[in-house]
Amino acid sequence: MTQVKVFPCPRCGEPSQWQDNPFRPFCSERCKLIDLGAWASGEYRLPTQDAPQQAKGSQHEDDYED
């Protein structure tokens, strides 16, 4: 007898199974689409260490050489 592995859906937290689940790791198509929409709208963002880019033509007074 094979034990079915159950884990929480990453979107709603409801129990979900991995085996024979076409929406895995989500519990349903609804949770899968909600998560996809969150990515598409920019709700999920990765932090970056990049410094903000300076706009072209905007130089500080200290940047000019004599």
PDB file of N, CA and C in Angstrom:
ATOM      1  N   MET A   1       0.842  -1.170   0.000  1.00  0.00           N
ATOM      2  CA  MET A   1       0.000   0.000   0.000  1.00  0.00           C
ATOM      3  C   MET A   1       0.896   1.245   0.000  1.00  0.00           C
ATOM      4  N   THR A   2       0.631   2.183  -0.910  1.00  0.00           N
ATOM      5  CA  THR A   2       1.404   3.398  -1.022  1.00  0.00           C
ATOM      6  C   THR A   2       0.741   4.513  -0.224  1.00  0.00           C
ATOM      7  N   GLN A   3       1.538   5.199   0.556  1.00  0.00           N
ATOM      8  CA  GLN A   3       1.024   6.302   1.360  1.00  0.00           C
ATOM      9  C   GLN A   3       0.998   7.566   0.501  1.00  0.00           C
ATOM     10  N   VAL A   4      -0.124   8.268   0.500  1.00  0.00           N
ATOM     11  CA  VAL A   4      -0.256   9.508  -0.256  1.00  0.00           C
ATOM     12  C   VAL A   4       0.354  10.641   0.565  1.00  0.00           C
ATOM     13  N   LYS A   5       1.295  11.359  -0.039  1.00  0.00           N
ATOM     14  CA  LYS A   5       1.945  12.469   0.655  1.00  0.00           C
ATOM     15  C   LYS A   5       1.063  13.712   0.526  1.00  0.00           C
ATOM     16  N   VAL A   6       0.763  14.308   1.660  1.00  0.00           N
ATOM     17  CA  VAL A   6      -0.073  15.504   1.709  1.00  0.00           C
ATOM     18  C   VAL A   6       0.752  16.643   2.294  1.00  0.00           C
ATOM     19  N   PHE A   7       0.601  17.833   1.712  1.00  0.00           N
ATOM     20  CA  PHE A   7       1.320  19.016   2.175  1.00  0.00           C
ATOM     21  C   PHE A   7       0.409  20.220   1.982  1.00  0.00           C
ATOM     22  N   PRO A   8       0.703  21.345   2.641  1.00  0.00           N
ATOM     23  CA  PRO A   8      -0.154  22.517   2.499  1.00  0.00           C
ATOM     24  C   PRO A   8       0.041  23.206   1.142  1.00  0.00           C
ATOM     25  N   CYS A   9      -1.043  23.648   0.563  1.00  0.00           N
ATOM     26  CA  CYS A   9      -1.004  24.421  -0.680  1.00  0.00           C
ATOM     27  C   CYS A   9      -0.242  25.721  -0.405  1.00  0.00           C
ATOM     28  N   PRO A  10       0.713  26.102  -1.263  1.00  0.00           N
ATOM     29  CA  PRO A  10       1.481  27.321  -1.000  1.00  0.00           C
ATOM     30  C   PRO A  10       0.647  28.598  -1.093  1.00  0.00           C
ATOM     31  N   ARG A  11      -0.525  28.535  -1.675  1.00  0.00           N
ATOM     32  CA  ARG A  11      -1.363  29.730  -1.809  1.00  0.00           C
ATOM     33  C   ARG A  11      -2.358  29.871  -0.656  1.00  0.00           C
ATOM     34  N   CYS A  12      -3.115  28.794  -0.378  1.00  0.00           N
ATOM     35  CA  CYS A  12      -4.191  28.904   0.617  1.00  0.00           C
ATOM     36  C   CYS A  12      -3.943  28.119   1.897  1.00  0.00           C
ATOM     37  N   GLY A  13      -2.982  27.197   1.862  1.00  0.00           N
ATOM     38  CA  GLY A  13      -2.666  26.416   3.049  1.00  0.00           C
ATOM     39  C   GLY A  13      -3.515  25.168   3.238  1.00  0.00           C
ATOM     40  N   GLU A  14      -4.477  24.947   2.363  1.00  0.00           N
ATOM     41  CA  GLU A  14      -5.306  23.739   2.456  1.00  0.00           C
ATOM     42  C   GLU A  14      -4.474  22.507   2.105  1.00  0.00           C
ATOM     43  N   PRO A  15      -4.836  21.349   2.640  1.00  0.00           N
ATOM     44  CA  PRO A  15      -4.098  20.123   2.303  1.00  0.00           C
ATOM     45  C   PRO A  15      -4.157  19.833   0.805  1.00  0.00           C
ATOM     46  N   SER A  16      -3.030  19.454   0.265  1.00  0.00           N
ATOM     47  CA  SER A  16      -2.911  19.136  -1.157  1.00  0.00           C
ATOM     48  C   SER A  16      -2.039  17.899  -1.287  1.00  0.00           C
ATOM     49  N   GLN A  17      -2.284  17.118  -2.310  1.00  0.00           N
ATOM     50  CA  GLN A  17      -1.443  15.938  -2.526  1.00  0.00           C
ATOM     51  C   GLN A  17      -0.635  16.112  -3.796  1.00  0.00           C
ATOM     52  N   TRP A  18       0.553  15.524  -3.803  1.00  0.00           N
ATOM     53  CA  TRP A  18       1.459  15.651  -4.943  1.00  0.00           C
ATOM     54  C   TRP A  18       1.079  14.673  -6.046  1.00  0.00           C
ATOM     55  N   GLN A  19       0.852  13.437  -5.679  1.00  0.00           N
ATOM     56  CA  GLN A  19       0.585  12.386  -6.656  1.00  0.00           C
ATOM     57  C   GLN A  19      -0.782  12.580  -7.307  1.00  0.00           C
ATOM     58  N   ASP A  20      -0.840  12.447  -8.630  1.00  0.00           N
ATOM     59  CA  ASP A  20      -2.082  12.556  -9.413  1.00  0.00           C
ATOM     60  C   ASP A  20      -2.765  13.914  -9.227  1.00  0.00           C
ATOM     61  N   ASN A  21      -2.004  14.966  -9.035  1.00  0.00           N
ATOM     62  CA  ASN A  21      -2.549  16.308  -8.874  1.00  0.00           C
ATOM     63  C   ASN A  21      -2.036  17.162 -10.037  1.00  0.00           C
ATOM     64  N   PRO A  22      -2.894  17.480 -11.019  1.00  0.00           N
ATOM     65  CA  PRO A  22      -2.434  18.256 -12.178  1.00  0.00           C
ATOM     66  C   PRO A  22      -2.075  19.704 -11.843  1.00  0.00           C
ATOM     67  N   PHE A  23      -2.443  20.189 -10.662  1.00  0.00           N
ATOM     68  CA  PHE A  23      -2.190  21.576 -10.275  1.00  0.00           C
ATOM     69  C   PHE A  23      -1.048  21.716  -9.275  1.00  0.00           C
ATOM     70  N   ARG A  24      -0.343  20.616  -8.991  1.00  0.00           N
ATOM     71  CA  ARG A  24       0.691  20.647  -7.968  1.00  0.00           C
ATOM     72  C   ARG A  24       1.701  21.737  -8.232  1.00  0.00           C
ATOM     73  N   PRO A  25       2.185  22.397  -7.271  1.00  0.00           N
ATOM     74  CA  PRO A  25       2.045  22.156  -5.848  1.00  0.00           C
ATOM     75  C   PRO A  25       0.773  22.759  -5.242  1.00  0.00           C
ATOM     76  N   PHE A  26      -0.082  23.335  -6.070  1.00  0.00           N
ATOM     77  CA  PHE A  26      -1.308  23.959  -5.567  1.00  0.00           C
ATOM     78  C   PHE A  26      -2.407  22.918  -5.416  1.00  0.00           C
ATOM     79  N   CYS A  27      -3.423  23.263  -4.633  1.00  0.00           N
ATOM     80  CA  CYS A  27      -4.513  22.315  -4.392  1.00  0.00           C
ATOM     81  C   CYS A  27      -5.549  22.343  -5.501  1.00  0.00           C
ATOM     82  N   SER A  28      -5.603  23.431  -6.267  1.00  0.00           N
ATOM     83  CA  SER A  28      -6.637  23.563  -7.294  1.00  0.00           C
ATOM     84  C   SER A  28      -6.163  24.501  -8.402  1.00  0.00           C
ATOM     85  N   GLU A  29      -6.917  24.506  -9.483  1.00  0.00           N
ATOM     86  CA  GLU A  29      -6.616  25.418 -10.583  1.00  0.00           C
ATOM     87  C   GLU A  29      -6.775  26.866 -10.131  1.00  0.00           C
ATOM     88  N   ARG A  30      -7.740  27.112  -9.262  1.00  0.00           N
ATOM     89  CA  ARG A  30      -7.981  28.459  -8.752  1.00  0.00           C
ATOM     90  C   ARG A  30      -6.741  29.010  -8.047  1.00  0.00           C
ATOM     91  N   CYS A  31      -6.163  28.232  -7.134  1.00  0.00           N
ATOM     92  CA  CYS A  31      -4.959  28.674  -6.420  1.00  0.00           C
ATOM     93  C   CYS A  31      -3.796  28.863  -7.388  1.00  0.00           C
ATOM     94  N   LYS A  32      -3.687  28.002  -8.366  1.00  0.00           N
ATOM     95  CA  LYS A  32      -2.619  28.109  -9.354  1.00  0.00           C
ATOM     96  C   LYS A  32      -2.751  29.415 -10.145  1.00  0.00           C
ATOM     97  N   LEU A  33      -3.957  29.767 -10.554  1.00  0.00           N
ATOM     98  CA  LEU A  33      -4.175  30.984 -11.328  1.00  0.00           C
ATOM     99  C   LEU A  33      -4.015  32.248 -10.486  1.00  0.00           C
ATOM    100  N   ILE A  34      -4.428  32.191  -9.225  1.00  0.00           N
ATOM    101  CA  ILE A  34      -4.235  33.337  -8.330  1.00  0.00           C
ATOM    102  C   ILE A  34      -2.748  33.616  -8.167  1.00  0.00           C
ATOM    103  N   ASP A  35      -1.957  32.570  -7.984  1.00  0.00           N
ATOM    104  CA  ASP A  35      -0.517  32.721  -7.824  1.00  0.00           C
ATOM    105  C   ASP A  35       0.122  33.259  -9.106  1.00  0.00           C
ATOM    106  N   LEU A  36      -0.294  32.756 -10.255  1.00  0.00           N
ATOM    107  CA  LEU A  36       0.221  33.240 -11.532  1.00  0.00           C
ATOM    108  C   LEU A  36      -0.099  34.723 -11.706  1.00  0.00           C
ATOM    109  N   GLY A  37      -1.323  35.124 -11.343  1.00  0.00           N
ATOM    110  CA  GLY A  37      -1.706  36.529 -11.424  1.00  0.00           C
ATOM    111  C   GLY A  37      -0.861  37.412 -10.526  1.00  0.00           C
ATOM    112  N   ALA A  38      -0.504  36.910  -9.352  1.00  0.00           N
ATOM    113  CA  ALA A  38       0.341  37.671  -8.436  1.00  0.00           C
ATOM    114  C   ALA A  38       1.724  37.901  -9.045  1.00  0.00           C
ATOM    115  N   TRP A  39       2.279  36.883  -9.710  1.00  0.00           N
ATOM    116  CA  TRP A  39       3.575  37.046 -10.378  1.00  0.00           C
ATOM    117  C   TRP A  39       3.452  38.052 -11.514  1.00  0.00           C
ATOM    118  N   ALA A  40       2.388  37.923 -12.312  1.00  0.00           N
ATOM    119  CA  ALA A  40       2.213  38.791 -13.481  1.00  0.00           C
ATOM    120  C   ALA A  40       2.027  40.257 -13.084  1.00  0.00           C
ATOM    121  N   SER A  41       1.402  40.504 -11.956  1.00  0.00           N
ATOM    122  CA  SER A  41       1.154  41.881 -11.526  1.00  0.00           C
ATOM    123  C   SER A  41       2.333  42.488 -10.771  1.00  0.00           C
ATOM    124  N   GLY A  42       3.362  41.708 -10.531  1.00  0.00           N
ATOM    125  CA  GLY A  42       4.542  42.217  -9.833  1.00  0.00           C
ATOM    126  C   GLY A  42       4.416  42.170  -8.323  1.00  0.00           C
ATOM    127  N   GLU A  43       3.426  41.438  -7.816  1.00  0.00           N
ATOM    128  CA  GLU A  43       3.249  41.324  -6.362  1.00  0.00           C
ATOM    129  C   GLU A  43       4.449  40.648  -5.710  1.00  0.00           C
ATOM    130  N   TYR A  44       5.043  39.692  -6.418  1.00  0.00           N
ATOM    131  CA  TYR A  44       6.233  39.010  -5.920  1.00  0.00           C
ATOM    132  C   TYR A  44       7.448  39.690  -6.540  1.00  0.00           C
ATOM    133  N   ARG A  45       8.332  40.186  -5.704  1.00  0.00           N
ATOM    134  CA  ARG A  45       9.542  40.832  -6.198  1.00  0.00           C
ATOM    135  C   ARG A  45      10.735  40.297  -5.429  1.00  0.00           C
ATOM    136  N   LEU A  46      11.823  40.150  -6.126  1.00  0.00           N
ATOM    137  CA  LEU A  46      13.051  39.696  -5.496  1.00  0.00           C
ATOM    138  C   LEU A  46      13.884  40.908  -5.117  1.00  0.00           C
ATOM    139  N   PRO A  47      14.431  40.921  -3.909  1.00  0.00           N
ATOM    140  CA  PRO A  47      15.274  42.053  -3.518  1.00  0.00           C
ATOM    141  C   PRO A  47      16.559  42.076  -4.344  1.00  0.00           C
ATOM    142  N   THR A  48      17.086  43.240  -4.556  1.00  0.00           N
ATOM    143  CA  THR A  48      18.312  43.380  -5.335  1.00  0.00           C
ATOM    144  C   THR A  48      19.295  44.260  -4.584  1.00  0.00           C
ATOM    145  N   GLN A  49      20.549  44.083  -4.866  1.00  0.00           N
ATOM    146  CA  GLN A  49      21.607  44.859  -4.239  1.00  0.00           C
ATOM    147  C   GLN A  49      22.074  45.991  -5.156  1.00  0.00           C
ATOM    148  N   ASP A  50      21.465  46.130  -6.329  1.00  0.00           N
ATOM    149  CA  ASP A  50      21.877  47.145  -7.295  1.00  0.00           C
ATOM    150  C   ASP A  50      21.601  48.547  -6.777  1.00  0.00           C
ATOM    151  N   ALA A  51      22.506  49.448  -7.092  1.00  0.00           N
ATOM    152  CA  ALA A  51      22.299  50.858  -6.759  1.00  0.00           C
ATOM    153  C   ALA A  51      21.322  51.450  -7.759  1.00  0.00           C
ATOM    154  N   PRO A  52      20.510  52.404  -7.350  1.00  0.00           N
ATOM    155  CA  PRO A  52      19.583  53.027  -8.292  1.00  0.00           C
ATOM    156  C   PRO A  52      20.344  53.702  -9.431  1.00  0.00           C
ATOM    157  N   GLN A  53      19.816  53.609 -10.622  1.00  0.00           N
ATOM    158  CA  GLN A  53      20.444  54.217 -11.785  1.00  0.00           C
ATOM    159  C   GLN A  53      20.188  55.715 -11.787  1.00  0.00           C
ATOM    160  N   GLN A  54      21.202  56.464 -12.165  1.00  0.00           N
ATOM    161  CA  GLN A  54      21.063  57.905 -12.245  1.00  0.00           C
ATOM    162  C   GLN A  54      20.501  58.251 -13.622  1.00  0.00           C
ATOM    163  N   ALA A  55      19.538  59.133 -13.676  1.00  0.00           N
ATOM    164  CA  ALA A  55      18.930  59.528 -14.944  1.00  0.00           C
ATOM    165  C   ALA A  55      19.962  60.225 -15.815  1.00  0.00           C
ATOM    166  N   LYS A  56      19.871  60.015 -17.143  1.00  0.00           N
ATOM    167  CA  LYS A  56      20.797  60.662 -18.067  1.00  0.00           C
ATOM    168  C   LYS A  56      20.653  62.175 -17.970  1.00  0.00           C
ATOM    169  N   GLY A  57      21.784  62.851 -18.008  1.00  0.00           N
ATOM    170  CA  GLY A  57      21.772  64.296 -17.997  1.00  0.00           C
ATOM    171  C   GLY A  57      21.669  64.903 -16.605  1.00  0.00           C
ATOM    172  N   SER A  58      21.433  64.115 -15.608  1.00  0.00           N
ATOM    173  CA  SER A  58      21.343  64.674 -14.253  1.00  0.00           C
ATOM    174  C   SER A  58      22.620  64.331 -13.509  1.00  0.00           C
ATOM    175  N   GLN A  59      23.546  65.250 -13.520  1.00  0.00           N
ATOM    176  CA  GLN A  59      24.822  65.049 -12.844  1.00  0.00           C
ATOM    177  C   GLN A  59      24.887  65.974 -11.647  1.00  0.00           C
ATOM    178  N   HIS A  60      25.537  65.500 -10.639  1.00  0.00           N
ATOM    179  CA  HIS A  60      25.741  66.312  -9.453  1.00  0.00           C
ATOM    180  C   HIS A  60      26.855  67.316  -9.712  1.00  0.00           C
ATOM    181  N   GLU A  61      26.853  68.384  -8.966  1.00  0.00           N
ATOM    182  CA  GLU A  61      27.868  69.419  -9.116  1.00  0.00           C
ATOM    183  C   GLU A  61      29.260  68.840  -8.887  1.00  0.00           C
ATOM    184  N   ASP A  62      29.375  67.856  -7.991  1.00  0.00           N
ATOM    185  CA  ASP A  62      30.669  67.239  -7.686  1.00  0.00           C
ATOM    186  C   ASP A  62      31.201  66.420  -8.841  1.00  0.00           C
ATOM    187  N   ASP A  63      30.357  66.041  -9.786  1.00  0.00           N
ATOM    188  CA  ASP A  63      30.764  65.203 -10.899  1.00  0.00           C
ATOM    189  C   ASP A  63      31.519  65.973 -11.983  1.00  0.00           C
ATOM    190  N   TYR A  64      31.411  67.285 -11.981  1.00  0.00           N
ATOM    191  CA  TYR A  64      32.071  68.090 -13.004  1.00  0.00           C
ATOM    192  C   TYR A  64      33.552  68.290 -12.649  1.00  0.00           C
ATOM    193  N   GLU A  65      34.384  68.175 -13.653  1.00  0.00           N
ATOM    194  CA  GLU A  65      35.811  68.392 -13.425  1.00  0.00           C
ATOM    195  C   GLU A  65      36.158  69.821 -13.837  1.00  0.00           C
ATOM    196  N   ASP A  66      37.116  70.425 -13.160  1.00  0.00           N
ATOM    197  CA  ASP A  66      37.542  71.789 -13.495  1.00  0.00           C
ATOM    198  C   ASP A  66      38.564  71.804 -14.574  1.00  0.00           C
TER     199      ASP A  66
END
